[in-house]
Protein backbone atom coordinates (compact mmCIF):
# COMPACT_ATOMS: atom_id res chain seq x y z
CA MET A 1 22.24 -7.53 50.72
CA ILE A 2 20.19 -4.98 52.72
CA ARG A 3 20.15 -1.51 51.20
CA SER A 4 19.79 1.66 53.18
CA VAL A 5 18.57 5.25 52.69
CA ASN A 6 20.39 7.68 54.93
CA GLY A 7 21.47 4.80 57.03
CA VAL A 8 17.89 3.36 57.45
CA PRO A 9 17.73 -0.24 56.25
CA VAL A 10 15.29 -0.99 53.50
CA LEU A 11 14.47 -4.69 53.00
CA PRO A 12 13.61 -6.00 49.53
CA ARG A 13 10.00 -6.61 50.62
CA HIS A 14 8.56 -3.88 52.87
CA ARG A 15 5.20 -3.34 54.54
CA LEU A 16 3.25 -0.21 54.21
CA SER A 17 0.15 0.70 56.22
CA CYS A 18 -2.37 3.53 56.82
CA HIS A 19 -2.75 5.19 60.09
CA CYS A 20 -5.56 3.00 61.44
CA GLY A 21 -4.08 -0.23 60.06
CA ALA A 22 -7.10 -1.11 57.94
CA VAL A 23 -4.90 -1.03 54.76
CA VAL A 24 -1.77 -3.07 54.67
CA ILE A 25 0.41 -3.24 51.53
CA GLU A 26 3.52 -5.19 50.72
CA LEU A 27 6.11 -3.70 48.40
CA ASP A 28 8.84 -5.36 46.51
CA LEU A 29 11.75 -3.05 46.85
CA PRO A 30 14.85 -4.89 45.63
CA ASP A 31 16.58 -1.57 44.92
CA GLY A 32 15.38 0.19 48.10
CA ILE A 33 13.35 3.44 47.91
CA VAL A 34 13.60 4.48 44.33
CA ASP A 35 13.14 8.13 43.15
CA PRO A 36 11.78 9.70 46.38
CA ARG A 37 10.23 13.02 45.57
CA ARG A 38 7.70 15.61 46.30
CA CYS A 39 5.34 17.07 43.72
CA ASP A 40 3.99 20.74 43.74
CA CYS A 41 0.68 20.03 41.82
CA SER A 42 -2.52 21.14 43.58
CA TYR A 43 -3.21 17.80 45.11
CA CYS A 44 0.22 16.80 46.24
CA ARG A 45 1.02 20.25 47.61
CA ARG A 46 -1.86 19.87 49.96
CA ARG A 47 -0.84 16.43 51.14
CA GLY A 48 2.78 17.10 51.56
CA THR A 49 3.69 13.52 50.85
CA ILE A 50 7.00 12.08 49.90
CA VAL A 51 6.38 9.45 47.28
CA ALA A 52 8.66 6.89 45.71
CA SER A 53 8.11 4.54 42.75
CA VAL A 54 7.53 0.83 42.39
CA PRO A 55 6.42 -1.14 39.38
CA LEU A 56 2.70 -2.15 39.32
CA SER A 57 3.70 -5.73 39.86
CA GLY A 58 5.68 -4.68 42.99
CA LEU A 59 2.68 -3.50 45.00
CA HIS A 60 0.41 -6.11 46.72
CA VAL A 61 -2.57 -5.08 48.85
CA VAL A 62 -2.57 -7.63 51.70
CA ARG A 63 -5.49 -6.23 53.72
CA GLY A 64 -8.03 -3.51 53.27
CA GLU A 65 -8.71 -3.47 49.58
CA ASP A 66 -12.40 -3.07 50.49
CA VAL A 67 -11.62 0.18 52.40
CA LEU A 68 -9.48 1.75 49.79
CA GLN A 69 -11.16 4.75 48.05
CA LEU A 70 -10.15 6.21 44.66
CA TYR A 71 -9.78 9.85 43.98
CA ARG A 72 -9.11 11.19 40.42
CA PHE A 73 -8.88 14.82 39.23
CA ASN A 74 -7.88 17.07 36.38
CA THR A 75 -7.05 14.64 33.56
CA HIS A 76 -8.36 11.64 35.57
CA THR A 77 -5.38 9.68 34.53
CA ALA A 78 -3.66 9.20 37.91
CA ARG A 79 -5.50 7.01 40.44
CA HIS A 80 -4.98 8.15 44.07
CA TYR A 81 -5.90 5.58 46.69
CA PHE A 82 -6.57 6.48 50.45
CA CYS A 83 -8.04 4.65 53.43
CA SER A 84 -11.74 5.41 53.73
CA ARG A 85 -11.51 5.10 57.61
CA CYS A 86 -8.49 7.22 58.49
CA GLY A 87 -7.98 9.19 55.21
CA ILE A 88 -4.22 8.41 54.70
CA HIS A 89 -3.07 8.47 51.08
CA THR A 90 -1.24 5.10 50.63
CA HIS A 91 -0.43 4.97 46.89
CA HIS A 92 -1.39 6.20 43.41
CA GLN A 93 -1.01 4.91 39.91
CA ARG A 94 1.17 7.62 38.30
CA ARG A 95 -0.11 9.49 35.25
CA SER A 96 3.54 10.24 34.09
CA ALA A 97 4.49 6.61 34.45
CA PRO A 98 1.25 4.50 34.37
CA ASP A 99 3.24 1.33 34.69
CA GLN A 100 4.21 2.38 38.17
CA TYR A 101 2.66 3.15 41.52
CA GLY A 102 3.91 6.05 43.76
CA TYR A 103 3.64 5.11 47.26
CA ASN A 104 3.57 7.20 50.41
CA VAL A 105 7.05 6.76 51.98
CA ALA A 106 5.65 7.96 55.37
CA CYS A 107 3.50 4.83 55.44
CA LEU A 108 6.39 2.47 55.19
CA GLU A 109 6.90 0.61 58.50
CA GLY A 110 10.18 1.45 60.15
CA ILE A 111 10.92 4.51 58.00
CA ASP A 112 10.87 8.01 59.34
CA PRO A 113 10.50 10.37 56.32
CA PHE A 114 11.84 13.32 58.50
CA LEU A 115 15.25 11.57 58.39
CA LEU A 116 15.39 11.57 54.56
CA ASP A 117 17.52 14.37 53.09
CA GLY A 118 17.67 15.93 49.77
CA ILE A 119 14.11 15.03 48.57
CA PRO A 120 13.52 16.93 45.28
CA THR A 121 10.29 18.60 44.33
CA ARG A 122 8.91 17.80 40.86
CA ASP A 123 7.11 20.27 38.74
CA GLY A 124 3.50 18.90 38.84
CA ILE A 125 1.92 22.38 38.16
CA HIS A 126 3.39 22.31 34.60
CA HIS A 127 2.87 18.67 33.81
CA PRO A 128 3.06 17.87 30.17
CA ALA A 129 -0.22 15.90 30.19
CA ASP A 130 -2.02 19.14 31.26
CA ARG A 131 -1.07 21.05 28.08
CA ALA A 132 -3.50 21.31 25.25
CA SER A 133 -2.30 19.38 22.13
């Protein structure tokens, strides 16, 4: 069965790529786009990216692992990956759920993020991991 988001079909395995095509990733999406959201933390706010979640085992770098760069900030828990050639953020290992990747929905081939309605914004400014114990 092919699932859809706002009428756009989402296949169980989907390809994601950066702008220049140097990075190609395959995602296992048996349940479609799960938990799409924006975040208002200082980094995400500047990117404006819609992200969705996939288990760590559901993301496979097919091409371009050698051009992926890692960016970490604040608690240095989340690992944000971007293409060193075109600068596009492709995915990150989440700090609030380290067993998941958040991937850039706009990088999914065949998906227009401007057609997605009702994307919630999560409170990344007041993330529990930022609070002093």
